[in-house]
Amino acid sequence: MEAIERVCKFLEEAQSYALATVESDQPRVRIFGTVLLHGGRLYIETGKSKPVSKQIAANPKVEICACKGDQWLRVAGELCEDESREVKVAMLEKMPSLKAMYSPDDGNMQMLYFKSATATFSSFSAPAETVKF
């Protein structure tokens, strides 16, 4: 399994993850649940009207952390925006509950993919493993 597929599978199984951004000199962390592997890219989704979108625009370097049983995953990298309708539709098909808040043509739905990411799989029972995608 490719590194990016392994990361996506872990995030899907964990069902939620913490996303860390920076606002000025203050770290900001919140829980997300959106994840999509599409066209060889790992995507997350948010709304352009949210503070997290503005924080990512000012500083695209982020880190996410997810836990699953006695394992956890950290992914650090830069997020890039993808305005394509196709990827928005793919996210809404995968996660239909988002349709109550977003549509591909609403001007608010924002798809972000990881660029130059480093993922570290960790647990208390095995050595950490780092992969890049």
N, C-alpha and C. Protein backbone atom coordinates (compact mmCIF):
# COMPACT_ATOMS: atom_id res chain seq x y z
N MET A 1 0.86 -1.18 0.00
CA MET A 1 0.00 0.00 0.00
C MET A 1 0.90 1.24 0.00
N GLU A 2 0.58 2.17 -0.86
CA GLU A 2 1.33 3.42 -0.91
C GLU A 2 1.16 4.21 0.38
N ALA A 3 2.14 5.06 0.67
CA ALA A 3 2.12 5.85 1.90
C ALA A 3 0.84 6.69 2.02
N ILE A 4 0.46 7.36 0.95
CA ILE A 4 -0.71 8.24 1.00
C ILE A 4 -1.99 7.43 1.24
N GLU A 5 -2.07 6.24 0.66
CA GLU A 5 -3.24 5.37 0.88
C GLU A 5 -3.29 4.90 2.33
N ARG A 6 -2.14 4.58 2.88
CA ARG A 6 -2.06 4.14 4.28
C ARG A 6 -2.49 5.26 5.22
N VAL A 7 -2.05 6.48 4.94
CA VAL A 7 -2.43 7.64 5.76
C VAL A 7 -3.94 7.86 5.68
N CYS A 8 -4.49 7.84 4.48
CA CYS A 8 -5.93 8.05 4.30
C CYS A 8 -6.73 6.97 5.03
N LYS A 9 -6.32 5.73 4.91
CA LYS A 9 -7.03 4.63 5.59
C LYS A 9 -7.02 4.83 7.10
N PHE A 10 -5.89 5.24 7.65
CA PHE A 10 -5.80 5.47 9.09
C PHE A 10 -6.77 6.58 9.50
N LEU A 11 -6.78 7.69 8.75
CA LEU A 11 -7.67 8.81 9.07
C LEU A 11 -9.14 8.41 8.95
N GLU A 12 -9.47 7.62 7.94
CA GLU A 12 -10.86 7.16 7.79
C GLU A 12 -11.26 6.28 8.97
N GLU A 13 -10.39 5.37 9.37
CA GLU A 13 -10.70 4.48 10.48
C GLU A 13 -10.77 5.23 11.81
N ALA A 14 -9.94 6.24 11.97
CA ALA A 14 -9.96 7.05 13.20
C ALA A 14 -11.24 7.89 13.28
N GLN A 15 -11.77 8.28 12.13
CA GLN A 15 -13.01 9.05 11.97
C GLN A 15 -12.90 10.54 12.31
N SER A 16 -11.92 10.92 13.08
CA SER A 16 -11.71 12.34 13.35
C SER A 16 -10.24 12.57 13.64
N TYR A 17 -9.83 13.82 13.51
CA TYR A 17 -8.44 14.19 13.76
C TYR A 17 -8.42 15.64 14.22
N ALA A 18 -7.35 16.01 14.90
CA ALA A 18 -7.16 17.40 15.31
C ALA A 18 -6.30 18.09 14.26
N LEU A 19 -6.73 19.25 13.82
CA LEU A 19 -6.00 20.06 12.85
C LEU A 19 -5.44 21.27 13.57
N ALA A 20 -4.12 21.46 13.48
CA ALA A 20 -3.46 22.60 14.12
C ALA A 20 -3.03 23.60 13.06
N THR A 21 -3.36 24.86 13.32
CA THR A 21 -2.94 25.98 12.48
C THR A 21 -2.33 27.03 13.41
N VAL A 22 -1.93 28.15 12.82
CA VAL A 22 -1.40 29.26 13.61
C VAL A 22 -2.14 30.52 13.23
N GLU A 23 -2.48 31.33 14.23
CA GLU A 23 -3.08 32.65 14.01
C GLU A 23 -2.19 33.65 14.73
N SER A 24 -1.47 34.47 13.96
CA SER A 24 -0.40 35.33 14.50
C SER A 24 0.61 34.42 15.18
N ASP A 25 0.74 34.54 16.50
CA ASP A 25 1.67 33.66 17.21
C ASP A 25 0.94 32.65 18.10
N GLN A 26 -0.36 32.49 17.88
CA GLN A 26 -1.18 31.61 18.72
C GLN A 26 -1.56 30.33 17.96
N PRO A 27 -1.18 29.16 18.49
CA PRO A 27 -1.66 27.92 17.87
C PRO A 27 -3.17 27.79 18.01
N ARG A 28 -3.80 27.20 17.01
CA ARG A 28 -5.25 26.94 17.03
C ARG A 28 -5.46 25.48 16.64
N VAL A 29 -6.25 24.76 17.41
CA VAL A 29 -6.51 23.35 17.14
C VAL A 29 -8.01 23.11 17.18
N ARG A 30 -8.49 22.32 16.23
CA ARG A 30 -9.90 21.96 16.20
C ARG A 30 -10.04 20.57 15.60
N ILE A 31 -11.20 19.95 15.84
CA ILE A 31 -11.46 18.59 15.36
C ILE A 31 -12.10 18.64 13.97
N PHE A 32 -11.58 17.81 13.09
CA PHE A 32 -12.10 17.64 11.74
C PHE A 32 -12.43 16.17 11.52
N GLY A 33 -13.20 15.89 10.49
CA GLY A 33 -13.50 14.52 10.14
C GLY A 33 -13.47 14.27 8.64
N THR A 34 -13.24 15.32 7.86
CA THR A 34 -13.27 15.17 6.41
C THR A 34 -11.92 14.67 5.89
N VAL A 35 -11.97 13.68 5.03
CA VAL A 35 -10.76 13.17 4.39
C VAL A 35 -11.16 12.50 3.08
N LEU A 36 -10.35 12.72 2.06
CA LEU A 36 -10.62 12.16 0.74
C LEU A 36 -9.31 11.95 0.01
N LEU A 37 -9.15 10.77 -0.56
CA LEU A 37 -8.03 10.50 -1.46
C LEU A 37 -8.59 10.57 -2.87
N HIS A 38 -8.10 11.51 -3.65
CA HIS A 38 -8.66 11.75 -4.99
C HIS A 38 -7.53 12.20 -5.91
N GLY A 39 -7.38 11.53 -7.04
CA GLY A 39 -6.36 11.93 -8.00
C GLY A 39 -4.95 11.91 -7.43
N GLY A 40 -4.70 11.01 -6.48
CA GLY A 40 -3.38 10.91 -5.89
C GLY A 40 -3.06 11.96 -4.85
N ARG A 41 -4.08 12.70 -4.42
CA ARG A 41 -3.89 13.73 -3.39
C ARG A 41 -4.77 13.44 -2.18
N LEU A 42 -4.27 13.82 -1.00
CA LEU A 42 -5.03 13.68 0.23
C LEU A 42 -5.67 15.03 0.56
N TYR A 43 -7.02 15.05 0.58
CA TYR A 43 -7.79 16.28 0.78
C TYR A 43 -8.46 16.32 2.15
N ILE A 44 -8.64 17.54 2.63
CA ILE A 44 -9.56 17.83 3.72
C ILE A 44 -10.49 18.92 3.20
N GLU A 45 -11.54 19.21 3.97
CA GLU A 45 -12.53 20.20 3.52
C GLU A 45 -12.91 21.11 4.67
N THR A 46 -13.13 22.38 4.34
CA THR A 46 -13.65 23.34 5.31
C THR A 46 -14.47 24.39 4.57
N GLY A 47 -14.92 25.39 5.30
CA GLY A 47 -15.65 26.49 4.69
C GLY A 47 -14.79 27.73 4.63
N LYS A 48 -14.83 28.44 3.51
CA LYS A 48 -14.02 29.64 3.35
C LYS A 48 -14.38 30.73 4.35
N SER A 49 -15.60 30.68 4.89
CA SER A 49 -16.03 31.70 5.84
C SER A 49 -15.51 31.45 7.26
N LYS A 50 -14.89 30.31 7.50
CA LYS A 50 -14.41 29.96 8.84
C LYS A 50 -13.02 30.54 9.12
N PRO A 51 -12.74 30.83 10.39
CA PRO A 51 -11.40 31.32 10.75
C PRO A 51 -10.27 30.39 10.32
N VAL A 52 -10.50 29.08 10.35
CA VAL A 52 -9.46 28.12 9.96
C VAL A 52 -9.02 28.36 8.52
N SER A 53 -9.94 28.71 7.63
CA SER A 53 -9.61 28.99 6.24
C SER A 53 -8.69 30.20 6.14
N LYS A 54 -8.98 31.23 6.90
CA LYS A 54 -8.15 32.43 6.89
C LYS A 54 -6.77 32.15 7.48
N GLN A 55 -6.71 31.30 8.51
CA GLN A 55 -5.43 30.93 9.12
C GLN A 55 -4.57 30.17 8.11
N ILE A 56 -5.16 29.24 7.38
CA ILE A 56 -4.43 28.46 6.39
C ILE A 56 -3.97 29.34 5.23
N ALA A 57 -4.79 30.31 4.84
CA ALA A 57 -4.39 31.23 3.77
C ALA A 57 -3.17 32.05 4.20
N ALA A 58 -3.12 32.46 5.46
CA ALA A 58 -2.00 33.25 5.96
C ALA A 58 -0.75 32.40 6.18
N ASN A 59 -0.94 31.14 6.57
CA ASN A 59 0.18 30.23 6.80
C ASN A 59 -0.29 28.81 6.49
N PRO A 60 0.03 28.31 5.30
CA PRO A 60 -0.49 27.00 4.89
C PRO A 60 0.16 25.80 5.59
N LYS A 61 1.15 26.03 6.44
CA LYS A 61 1.78 24.92 7.16
C LYS A 61 0.87 24.50 8.31
N VAL A 62 0.49 23.23 8.30
CA VAL A 62 -0.42 22.70 9.31
C VAL A 62 0.10 21.34 9.79
N GLU A 63 -0.54 20.85 10.83
CA GLU A 63 -0.30 19.49 11.28
C GLU A 63 -1.61 18.92 11.76
N ILE A 64 -1.82 17.64 11.47
CA ILE A 64 -2.99 16.94 11.98
C ILE A 64 -2.51 15.77 12.82
N CYS A 65 -3.37 15.36 13.75
CA CYS A 65 -3.07 14.21 14.60
C CYS A 65 -4.35 13.42 14.81
N ALA A 66 -4.26 12.11 14.58
CA ALA A 66 -5.41 11.22 14.77
C ALA A 66 -4.98 10.03 15.62
N CYS A 67 -5.93 9.52 16.42
CA CYS A 67 -5.68 8.35 17.27
C CYS A 67 -6.63 7.23 16.88
N LYS A 68 -6.10 6.01 16.96
CA LYS A 68 -6.89 4.82 16.67
C LYS A 68 -6.35 3.71 17.57
N GLY A 69 -7.11 3.35 18.59
CA GLY A 69 -6.63 2.35 19.54
C GLY A 69 -5.39 2.85 20.24
N ASP A 70 -4.32 2.05 20.19
CA ASP A 70 -3.07 2.47 20.83
C ASP A 70 -2.08 3.06 19.83
N GLN A 71 -2.60 3.47 18.67
CA GLN A 71 -1.76 4.06 17.63
C GLN A 71 -2.19 5.50 17.38
N TRP A 72 -1.25 6.30 16.92
CA TRP A 72 -1.59 7.66 16.50
C TRP A 72 -0.77 8.02 15.27
N LEU A 73 -1.28 8.98 14.54
CA LEU A 73 -0.69 9.44 13.29
C LEU A 73 -0.59 10.95 13.32
N ARG A 74 0.57 11.46 12.98
CA ARG A 74 0.75 12.90 12.80
C ARG A 74 1.13 13.15 11.35
N VAL A 75 0.50 14.13 10.74
CA VAL A 75 0.81 14.50 9.36
C VAL A 75 1.11 15.99 9.34
N ALA A 76 2.31 16.35 8.92
CA ALA A 76 2.72 17.74 8.81
C ALA A 76 2.96 18.07 7.35
N GLY A 77 2.53 19.25 6.94
CA GLY A 77 2.75 19.66 5.56
C GLY A 77 2.07 20.97 5.26
N GLU A 78 2.05 21.31 4.00
CA GLU A 78 1.38 22.52 3.54
C GLU A 78 0.09 22.14 2.84
N LEU A 79 -0.94 22.95 3.06
CA LEU A 79 -2.21 22.75 2.39
C LEU A 79 -2.33 23.70 1.20
N CYS A 80 -2.80 23.18 0.09
CA CYS A 80 -3.03 23.96 -1.13
C CYS A 80 -4.51 23.85 -1.50
N GLU A 81 -5.08 24.92 -1.97
CA GLU A 81 -6.49 24.92 -2.35
C GLU A 81 -6.68 24.33 -3.75
N ASP A 82 -7.75 23.57 -3.90
CA ASP A 82 -8.15 23.03 -5.20
C ASP A 82 -9.60 23.46 -5.43
N GLU A 83 -9.81 24.33 -6.41
CA GLU A 83 -11.14 24.88 -6.69
C GLU A 83 -11.98 24.00 -7.60
N SER A 84 -11.44 22.86 -8.04
CA SER A 84 -12.17 22.07 -9.03
C SER A 84 -13.49 21.54 -8.46
N ARG A 85 -14.51 21.64 -9.27
CA ARG A 85 -15.84 21.15 -8.88
C ARG A 85 -15.82 19.64 -8.67
N GLU A 86 -15.03 18.95 -9.48
CA GLU A 86 -14.96 17.49 -9.43
C GLU A 86 -14.56 16.99 -8.04
N VAL A 87 -13.58 17.61 -7.44
CA VAL A 87 -13.12 17.14 -6.12
C VAL A 87 -14.14 17.50 -5.03
N LYS A 88 -14.84 18.61 -5.19
CA LYS A 88 -15.90 18.97 -4.23
C LYS A 88 -17.04 17.95 -4.30
N VAL A 89 -17.42 17.59 -5.50
CA VAL A 89 -18.48 16.59 -5.68
C VAL A 89 -18.05 15.25 -5.09
N ALA A 90 -16.79 14.88 -5.30
CA ALA A 90 -16.28 13.61 -4.76
C ALA A 90 -16.35 13.60 -3.23
N MET A 91 -16.03 14.72 -2.60
CA MET A 91 -16.10 14.80 -1.13
C MET A 91 -17.54 14.68 -0.66
N LEU A 92 -18.46 15.37 -1.34
CA LEU A 92 -19.87 15.32 -0.95
C LEU A 92 -20.46 13.93 -1.17
N GLU A 93 -20.00 13.22 -2.18
CA GLU A 93 -20.47 11.85 -2.40
C GLU A 93 -19.95 10.92 -1.31
N LYS A 94 -18.71 11.14 -0.91
CA LYS A 94 -18.12 10.29 0.13
C LYS A 94 -18.73 10.59 1.50
N MET A 95 -18.99 11.87 1.77
CA MET A 95 -19.51 12.30 3.06
C MET A 95 -20.81 13.08 2.86
N PRO A 96 -21.92 12.39 2.58
CA PRO A 96 -23.18 13.07 2.26
C PRO A 96 -23.70 13.99 3.36
N SER A 97 -23.28 13.78 4.60
CA SER A 97 -23.74 14.66 5.68
C SER A 97 -23.28 16.11 5.47
N LEU A 98 -22.24 16.31 4.68
CA LEU A 98 -21.76 17.67 4.39
C LEU A 98 -22.73 18.45 3.51
N LYS A 99 -23.61 17.74 2.80
CA LYS A 99 -24.55 18.41 1.89
C LYS A 99 -25.50 19.35 2.61
N ALA A 100 -25.68 19.16 3.91
CA ALA A 100 -26.53 20.07 4.69
C ALA A 100 -25.86 21.43 4.87
N MET A 101 -24.53 21.49 4.70
CA MET A 101 -23.79 22.74 4.93
C MET A 101 -23.13 23.31 3.68
N TYR A 102 -22.84 22.44 2.70
CA TYR A 102 -22.06 22.86 1.54
C TYR A 102 -22.64 22.33 0.24
N SER A 103 -22.29 23.01 -0.84
CA SER A 103 -22.54 22.50 -2.18
C SER A 103 -21.33 22.89 -3.03
N PRO A 104 -21.08 22.19 -4.13
CA PRO A 104 -19.89 22.48 -4.92
C PRO A 104 -19.90 23.87 -5.55
N ASP A 105 -21.07 24.49 -5.61
CA ASP A 105 -21.18 25.80 -6.27
C ASP A 105 -21.52 26.93 -5.31
N ASP A 106 -21.39 26.71 -4.01
CA ASP A 106 -21.81 27.74 -3.05
C ASP A 106 -20.78 28.83 -2.79
N GLY A 107 -19.57 28.68 -3.33
CA GLY A 107 -18.53 29.69 -3.10
C GLY A 107 -17.91 29.62 -1.71
N ASN A 108 -18.38 28.72 -0.88
CA ASN A 108 -17.87 28.58 0.48
C ASN A 108 -17.09 27.29 0.67
N MET A 109 -17.51 26.22 0.03
CA MET A 109 -16.85 24.93 0.19
C MET A 109 -15.40 25.02 -0.29
N GLN A 110 -14.48 24.63 0.58
CA GLN A 110 -13.06 24.75 0.26
C GLN A 110 -12.37 23.39 0.40
N MET A 111 -11.77 22.94 -0.68
CA MET A 111 -11.02 21.70 -0.69
C MET A 111 -9.53 22.03 -0.63
N LEU A 112 -8.85 21.38 0.30
CA LEU A 112 -7.42 21.61 0.52
C LEU A 112 -6.70 20.29 0.47
N TYR A 113 -5.58 20.23 -0.22
CA TYR A 113 -4.81 19.00 -0.27
C TYR A 113 -3.40 19.22 0.29
N PHE A 114 -2.84 18.13 0.79
CA PHE A 114 -1.50 18.19 1.36
C PHE A 114 -0.45 18.18 0.28
N LYS A 115 0.51 19.08 0.41
CA LYS A 115 1.66 19.16 -0.47
C LYS A 115 2.90 18.94 0.41
N SER A 116 3.83 18.14 -0.04
CA SER A 116 5.08 17.90 0.70
C SER A 116 4.80 17.49 2.14
N ALA A 117 4.05 16.42 2.32
CA ALA A 117 3.65 16.00 3.66
C ALA A 117 4.58 14.93 4.21
N THR A 118 4.74 14.98 5.53
CA THR A 118 5.47 13.96 6.28
C THR A 118 4.51 13.38 7.30
N ALA A 119 4.32 12.06 7.25
CA ALA A 119 3.41 11.38 8.17
C ALA A 119 4.21 10.45 9.06
N THR A 120 3.89 10.49 10.37
CA THR A 120 4.57 9.61 11.32
C THR A 120 3.53 8.77 12.04
N PHE A 121 3.66 7.44 11.87
CA PHE A 121 2.82 6.48 12.56
C PHE A 121 3.53 6.10 13.86
N SER A 122 2.82 6.19 14.99
CA SER A 122 3.42 5.90 16.28
C SER A 122 2.51 5.02 17.12
N SER A 123 3.13 4.33 18.09
CA SER A 123 2.38 3.58 19.09
C SER A 123 3.30 3.34 20.27
N PHE A 124 2.71 2.86 21.36
CA PHE A 124 3.50 2.56 22.54
C PHE A 124 4.21 1.21 22.41
N SER A 125 3.83 0.41 21.42
CA SER A 125 4.35 -0.94 21.31
C SER A 125 5.27 -1.19 20.12
N ALA A 126 5.52 -0.16 19.31
CA ALA A 126 6.38 -0.34 18.14
C ALA A 126 7.14 0.96 17.85
N PRO A 127 8.26 0.85 17.16
CA PRO A 127 8.99 2.07 16.80
C PRO A 127 8.18 2.93 15.83
N ALA A 128 8.39 4.23 15.90
CA ALA A 128 7.71 5.16 14.99
C ALA A 128 8.18 4.90 13.56
N GLU A 129 7.27 5.12 12.62
CA GLU A 129 7.58 4.98 11.20
C GLU A 129 7.17 6.25 10.48
N THR A 130 8.07 6.82 9.71
CA THR A 130 7.81 8.06 8.99
C THR A 130 7.79 7.79 7.50
N VAL A 131 6.77 8.37 6.84
CA VAL A 131 6.63 8.27 5.39
C VAL A 131 6.38 9.67 4.83
N LYS A 132 6.68 9.84 3.57
CA LYS A 132 6.46 11.15 2.91
C LYS A 132 5.59 10.94 1.67
N PHE A 133 4.78 11.94 1.40
CA PHE A 133 3.99 11.91 0.16
C PHE A 133 3.76 13.32 -0.31
